Amino acid sequence: MAFEVRPLTATLGAEVFGVDLANVDDATRDDLRKAWLDHKVLVLREQAITIVEHIAFGRLFGELEVHPFATGIEEHPEIVKIHSTAEFKYAASNWHSDVTWREEPSMGSILRGVIIPPAGGDTCFADATAAYARLSDEWKVRVDPLFAIHDFTRTFGRRLSDEGRAEKQKEYPPARHPVVRTHPETGARGIYTNRTFVSHIEGVSADESEEIIDHLERAIMNPSVQCRVRWDVDTFVMWDNRCTQHCATNDFWPQERRVERVTVIGDRPF
């Protein structure tokens, strides 16, 4: 299946045309995977496929996780629903990479637009490798050897009782990951901290930890390393969690927004 790739920026993001996600053969999967590695974020529009086909497409790239905290679909536990409503307005609205609190965080995520507001509700993506490359040499030397502690209790733990949180902490203890991780397939190095899940930088004072987290977050927030995706119903976006971060915009209230995700299991960062 031949397809066309149109880059969104020089280093990050591309729209893909000519692929039917319900009928992807091995050769097309391999070409998509190469495009995914090259562009880090792929956008595929007008994909009116079923939930089962969404799951099957995700499995072409690896095993799928079942999220232990996020709301899903009972008969399809691989699906995570991200729903912004009157009760929960600000879903996924901070810069982050998915499930970094796991010992083996996500390789990639594949998200589908289900209910899309008439205006707003875009997702912004940042190239963590480009953000790292733009750091000064002094900052690179400073952060290269460091490790960060990632902890689910900073977000999902707030919804649990004390007893429930303590029980889940036995199953998902804080994870120790490098502040700058190496992509296992491309060898590129990129920023791997975020305020959503990182509690602190290991081995430095609280003030220095805050300074480092803040500086790296501002590097990710630089518009020059970002692309922005406008959603439609049945738009699919797949991104590489090993080298990107993302943030949903909160500019559509009081409209409703719902997207559904499958997440491909990754390996331990190094």
Protein backbone atom coordinates (compact mmCIF):
# COMPACT_ATOMS: atom_id res chain seq x y z
CA MET A 1 0.00 0.00 0.00
CA ALA A 2 1.76 3.16 -1.20
CA PHE A 3 1.06 6.29 0.82
CA GLU A 4 2.05 9.95 0.85
CA VAL A 5 3.77 11.69 3.77
CA ARG A 6 3.54 15.49 4.11
CA PRO A 7 5.73 16.91 6.91
CA LEU A 8 4.23 19.46 9.31
CA THR A 9 7.61 20.87 10.35
CA ALA A 10 11.23 20.16 9.47
CA THR A 11 11.71 17.71 12.35
CA LEU A 12 8.33 16.94 13.90
CA GLY A 13 5.00 15.69 12.61
CA ALA A 14 3.59 14.57 9.29
CA GLU A 15 0.20 13.93 7.73
CA VAL A 16 -0.17 10.56 6.02
CA PHE A 17 -2.47 10.03 3.03
CA GLY A 18 -3.46 6.82 1.31
CA VAL A 19 -3.58 4.39 4.23
CA ASP A 20 -6.66 2.47 5.39
CA LEU A 21 -6.01 1.59 9.03
CA ALA A 22 -8.42 -1.34 8.79
CA ASN A 23 -6.32 -2.97 6.06
CA VAL A 24 -2.61 -2.63 6.74
CA ASP A 25 -0.33 -5.34 5.39
CA ASP A 26 3.14 -6.10 6.72
CA ALA A 27 4.96 -3.95 4.17
CA THR A 28 2.73 -0.95 4.88
CA ARG A 29 3.18 -1.46 8.62
CA ASP A 30 6.95 -1.43 8.17
CA ASP A 31 6.81 1.72 6.04
CA LEU A 32 4.52 3.38 8.61
CA ARG A 33 6.93 2.45 11.37
CA LYS A 34 9.79 4.06 9.47
CA ALA A 35 7.72 7.20 8.90
CA TRP A 36 6.85 7.18 12.61
CA LEU A 37 10.53 7.04 13.55
CA ASP A 38 11.38 9.75 11.04
CA HIS A 39 8.61 12.21 11.97
CA LYS A 40 7.75 11.16 15.55
CA VAL A 41 4.07 12.20 15.16
CA LEU A 42 1.82 10.92 12.36
CA VAL A 43 -1.68 12.22 11.55
CA LEU A 44 -4.12 10.05 9.58
CA ARG A 45 -7.55 11.49 8.82
CA GLU A 46 -10.96 10.09 7.83
CA GLN A 47 -10.37 6.67 9.36
CA ALA A 48 -13.90 5.42 10.11
CA ILE A 49 -12.82 2.13 11.66
CA THR A 50 -14.24 0.15 14.57
CA ILE A 51 -12.85 -0.04 18.10
CA VAL A 52 -11.72 -3.61 17.38
CA GLU A 53 -9.85 -2.38 14.30
CA HIS A 54 -8.27 0.43 16.34
CA ILE A 55 -6.95 -2.16 18.78
CA ALA A 56 -5.77 -4.42 15.96
CA PHE A 57 -3.91 -1.54 14.30
CA GLY A 58 -2.17 -0.71 17.57
CA ARG A 59 -1.08 -4.35 17.97
CA LEU A 60 0.77 -4.16 14.66
CA PHE A 61 3.44 -2.19 16.56
CA GLY A 62 3.59 -4.20 19.79
CA GLU A 63 1.66 -5.40 22.81
CA LEU A 64 -0.91 -2.97 24.20
CA GLU A 65 -1.13 -1.94 27.83
CA VAL A 66 -4.22 -1.95 30.03
CA HIS A 67 -4.08 1.27 32.03
CA PRO A 68 -4.62 0.59 35.74
CA PHE A 69 -6.10 4.02 36.54
CA ALA A 70 -7.64 5.65 33.45
CA THR A 71 -11.26 5.21 32.39
CA GLY A 72 -11.69 2.67 29.63
CA ILE A 73 -14.30 0.62 27.81
CA GLU A 74 -15.32 -2.44 29.79
CA GLU A 75 -15.37 -4.89 26.89
CA HIS A 76 -12.18 -3.41 25.40
CA PRO A 77 -9.76 -2.73 28.28
CA GLU A 78 -6.96 -1.69 25.90
CA ILE A 79 -8.90 1.51 25.12
CA VAL A 80 -8.39 4.59 27.31
CA LYS A 81 -11.10 7.27 27.12
CA ILE A 82 -9.93 10.86 27.59
CA HIS A 83 -13.09 12.85 28.14
CA SER A 84 -13.35 16.55 28.93
CA THR A 85 -16.75 17.35 30.46
CA ALA A 86 -18.29 19.74 32.96
CA GLU A 87 -16.97 17.57 35.79
CA PHE A 88 -13.49 17.05 34.33
CA LYS A 89 -12.50 19.97 32.13
CA TYR A 90 -8.75 19.74 31.79
CA ALA A 91 -7.81 16.24 30.62
CA ALA A 92 -4.18 15.85 29.45
CA SER A 93 -3.60 19.60 29.63
CA ASN A 94 -0.03 19.54 30.93
CA TRP A 95 3.11 18.71 28.94
CA HIS A 96 3.96 15.04 29.42
CA SER A 97 4.85 11.72 27.86
CA ASP A 98 2.44 8.88 28.59
CA VAL A 99 2.83 6.59 31.62
CA THR A 100 6.41 7.56 32.45
CA TRP A 101 5.67 6.33 36.00
CA ARG A 102 5.95 2.74 34.73
CA GLU A 103 9.26 0.91 34.94
CA GLU A 104 8.82 0.24 31.22
CA PRO A 105 6.89 3.25 29.89
CA SER A 106 4.98 3.46 26.64
CA MET A 107 6.68 3.16 23.27
CA GLY A 108 3.87 4.98 21.50
CA SER A 109 0.25 6.05 21.65
CA ILE A 110 -2.45 5.97 18.96
CA LEU A 111 -5.33 8.37 19.64
CA ARG A 112 -8.65 8.76 17.84
CA GLY A 113 -11.01 11.73 17.72
CA VAL A 114 -14.50 10.65 18.82
CA ILE A 115 -16.30 13.83 19.98
CA ILE A 116 -14.55 16.96 18.72
CA PRO A 117 -15.59 20.53 19.60
CA PRO A 118 -16.37 22.85 16.66
CA ALA A 119 -13.43 25.06 17.65
CA GLY A 120 -10.41 24.47 19.88
CA GLY A 121 -9.31 21.24 21.52
CA ASP A 122 -6.10 20.84 19.51
CA THR A 123 -3.14 18.79 20.73
CA CYS A 124 0.34 20.31 20.73
CA PHE A 125 3.39 18.07 20.39
CA ALA A 126 7.01 18.85 21.27
CA ASP A 127 10.14 17.22 19.87
CA ALA A 128 12.08 16.28 23.01
CA THR A 129 15.23 15.56 20.99
CA ALA A 130 15.17 18.99 19.35
CA ALA A 131 14.51 20.57 22.75
CA TYR A 132 17.56 18.81 24.17
CA ALA A 133 19.71 19.80 21.18
CA ARG A 134 18.86 23.46 21.82
CA LEU A 135 20.08 23.35 25.43
CA SER A 136 23.36 25.11 26.09
CA ASP A 137 26.44 22.92 26.45
CA GLU A 138 26.54 23.88 30.12
CA TRP A 139 23.03 22.60 30.68
CA LYS A 140 23.69 19.41 28.74
CA VAL A 141 26.69 18.63 30.94
CA ARG A 142 24.59 19.40 34.00
CA VAL A 143 21.60 17.17 33.22
CA ASP A 144 23.16 14.31 31.21
CA PRO A 145 24.12 12.17 34.24
CA LEU A 146 20.97 12.81 36.29
CA PHE A 147 17.96 10.63 37.04
CA ALA A 148 14.37 11.65 37.77
CA ILE A 149 11.79 9.89 39.94
CA HIS A 150 8.40 9.39 38.25
CA ASP A 151 5.39 8.68 40.49
CA PHE A 152 1.76 7.95 39.54
CA THR A 153 0.52 9.38 42.85
CA ARG A 154 1.09 12.92 41.56
CA THR A 155 -1.91 12.52 39.27
CA PHE A 156 -3.89 9.29 39.35
CA GLY A 157 -3.14 8.76 43.04
CA ARG A 158 -5.28 11.75 43.97
CA ARG A 159 -8.39 9.82 42.94
CA LEU A 160 -7.67 6.91 45.28
CA SER A 161 -8.31 6.40 48.96
CA ASP A 162 -5.28 6.23 51.25
CA GLU A 163 -5.64 2.46 51.37
CA GLY A 164 -6.13 2.12 47.62
CA ARG A 165 -3.15 4.35 46.89
CA ALA A 166 -0.89 2.38 49.24
CA GLU A 167 -1.96 -0.88 47.60
CA LYS A 168 -1.28 0.44 44.10
CA GLN A 169 2.12 1.78 45.19
CA LYS A 170 3.18 -1.81 45.90
CA GLU A 171 2.34 -2.70 42.30
CA TYR A 172 3.66 0.53 40.75
CA PRO A 173 6.47 1.93 42.92
CA PRO A 174 8.19 5.17 41.84
CA ALA A 175 10.25 4.65 38.68
CA ARG A 176 13.79 5.95 38.22
CA HIS A 177 14.50 7.12 34.67
CA PRO A 178 17.31 9.19 33.11
CA VAL A 179 16.59 12.89 32.77
CA VAL A 180 17.86 12.58 29.19
CA ARG A 181 16.93 9.27 27.61
CA THR A 182 18.39 7.61 24.51
CA HIS A 183 15.95 6.46 21.85
CA PRO A 184 16.48 2.68 21.54
CA GLU A 185 15.99 2.65 17.75
CA THR A 186 17.41 5.95 16.50
CA GLY A 187 20.02 6.62 19.20
CA ALA A 188 18.79 10.22 19.53
CA ARG A 189 18.85 11.79 23.01
CA GLY A 190 15.93 13.75 24.37
CA ILE A 191 14.49 15.37 27.49
CA TYR A 192 12.52 12.86 29.57
CA THR A 193 11.13 14.85 32.48
CA ASN A 194 7.67 16.31 32.96
CA ARG A 195 5.74 18.00 35.76
CA THR A 196 2.82 15.60 35.44
CA PHE A 197 4.68 12.58 36.80
CA VAL A 198 8.15 13.63 38.01
CA SER A 199 8.32 14.17 41.76
CA HIS A 200 11.99 15.23 41.87
CA ILE A 201 15.45 14.94 40.42
CA GLU A 202 17.55 12.41 42.31
CA GLY A 203 20.67 13.47 44.20
CA VAL A 204 20.18 17.26 44.20
CA SER A 205 18.51 19.70 46.59
CA ALA A 206 14.80 20.47 46.33
CA ASP A 207 15.57 23.94 44.98
CA GLU A 208 17.94 22.61 42.32
CA SER A 209 15.47 19.88 41.40
CA GLU A 210 12.80 22.51 40.82
CA GLU A 211 15.20 24.64 38.79
CA ILE A 212 16.09 21.71 36.51
CA ILE A 213 12.50 20.57 36.01
CA ASP A 214 11.45 24.15 35.23
CA HIS A 215 14.29 24.74 32.76
CA LEU A 216 13.61 21.51 30.88
CA GLU A 217 9.87 22.17 30.82
CA ARG A 218 10.50 25.59 29.27
CA ALA A 219 12.71 23.93 26.66
CA ILE A 220 9.81 21.62 25.75
CA MET A 221 7.42 24.61 25.64
CA ASN A 222 9.51 26.41 22.99
CA PRO A 223 7.20 26.82 19.93
CA SER A 224 10.18 26.20 17.64
CA VAL A 225 10.26 22.50 18.63
CA GLN A 226 6.50 21.98 18.38
CA CYS A 227 3.73 21.10 15.96
CA ARG A 228 -0.01 21.44 16.52
CA VAL A 229 -2.74 19.04 15.38
CA ARG A 230 -6.33 20.06 14.73
CA TRP A 231 -8.73 17.21 15.36
CA ASP A 232 -11.73 15.95 13.42
CA VAL A 233 -13.91 12.94 14.16
CA ASP A 234 -12.03 9.81 13.04
CA THR A 235 -8.69 11.60 12.89
CA PHE A 236 -5.97 9.32 14.29
CA VAL A 237 -2.70 10.64 15.71
CA MET A 238 0.15 8.32 16.63
CA TRP A 239 3.17 9.61 18.51
CA ASP A 240 6.43 8.21 19.80
CA ASN A 241 6.45 8.63 23.59
CA ARG A 242 10.20 8.01 23.71
CA CYS A 243 11.05 11.28 21.98
CA THR A 244 7.99 13.55 22.19
CA GLN A 245 5.75 15.21 24.74
CA HIS A 246 2.21 16.47 24.22
CA CYS A 247 -0.38 18.79 25.73
CA ALA A 248 -4.08 19.21 24.98
CA THR A 249 -5.40 22.76 24.74
CA ASN A 250 -8.23 23.98 26.97
CA ASP A 251 -9.79 26.48 24.60
CA PHE A 252 -13.10 24.80 23.77
CA TRP A 253 -15.17 25.04 26.98
CA PRO A 254 -18.19 24.61 27.34
CA GLN A 255 -18.03 22.21 24.39
CA GLU A 256 -17.31 18.51 24.94
CA ARG A 257 -14.19 16.66 23.78
CA ARG A 258 -13.61 12.92 23.78
CA VAL A 259 -10.72 10.95 22.34
CA GLU A 260 -9.79 7.28 22.68
CA ARG A 261 -6.29 5.83 22.91
CA VAL A 262 -4.40 2.59 22.69
CA THR A 263 -0.88 2.54 24.12
CA VAL A 264 1.95 0.35 22.85
CA ILE A 265 4.14 -1.05 25.62
CA GLY A 266 7.78 0.07 25.53
CA ASP A 267 10.98 -0.83 27.31
CA ARG A 268 13.05 0.56 30.15
CA PRO A 269 14.63 3.95 29.32
CA PHE A 270 18.40 4.26 29.27
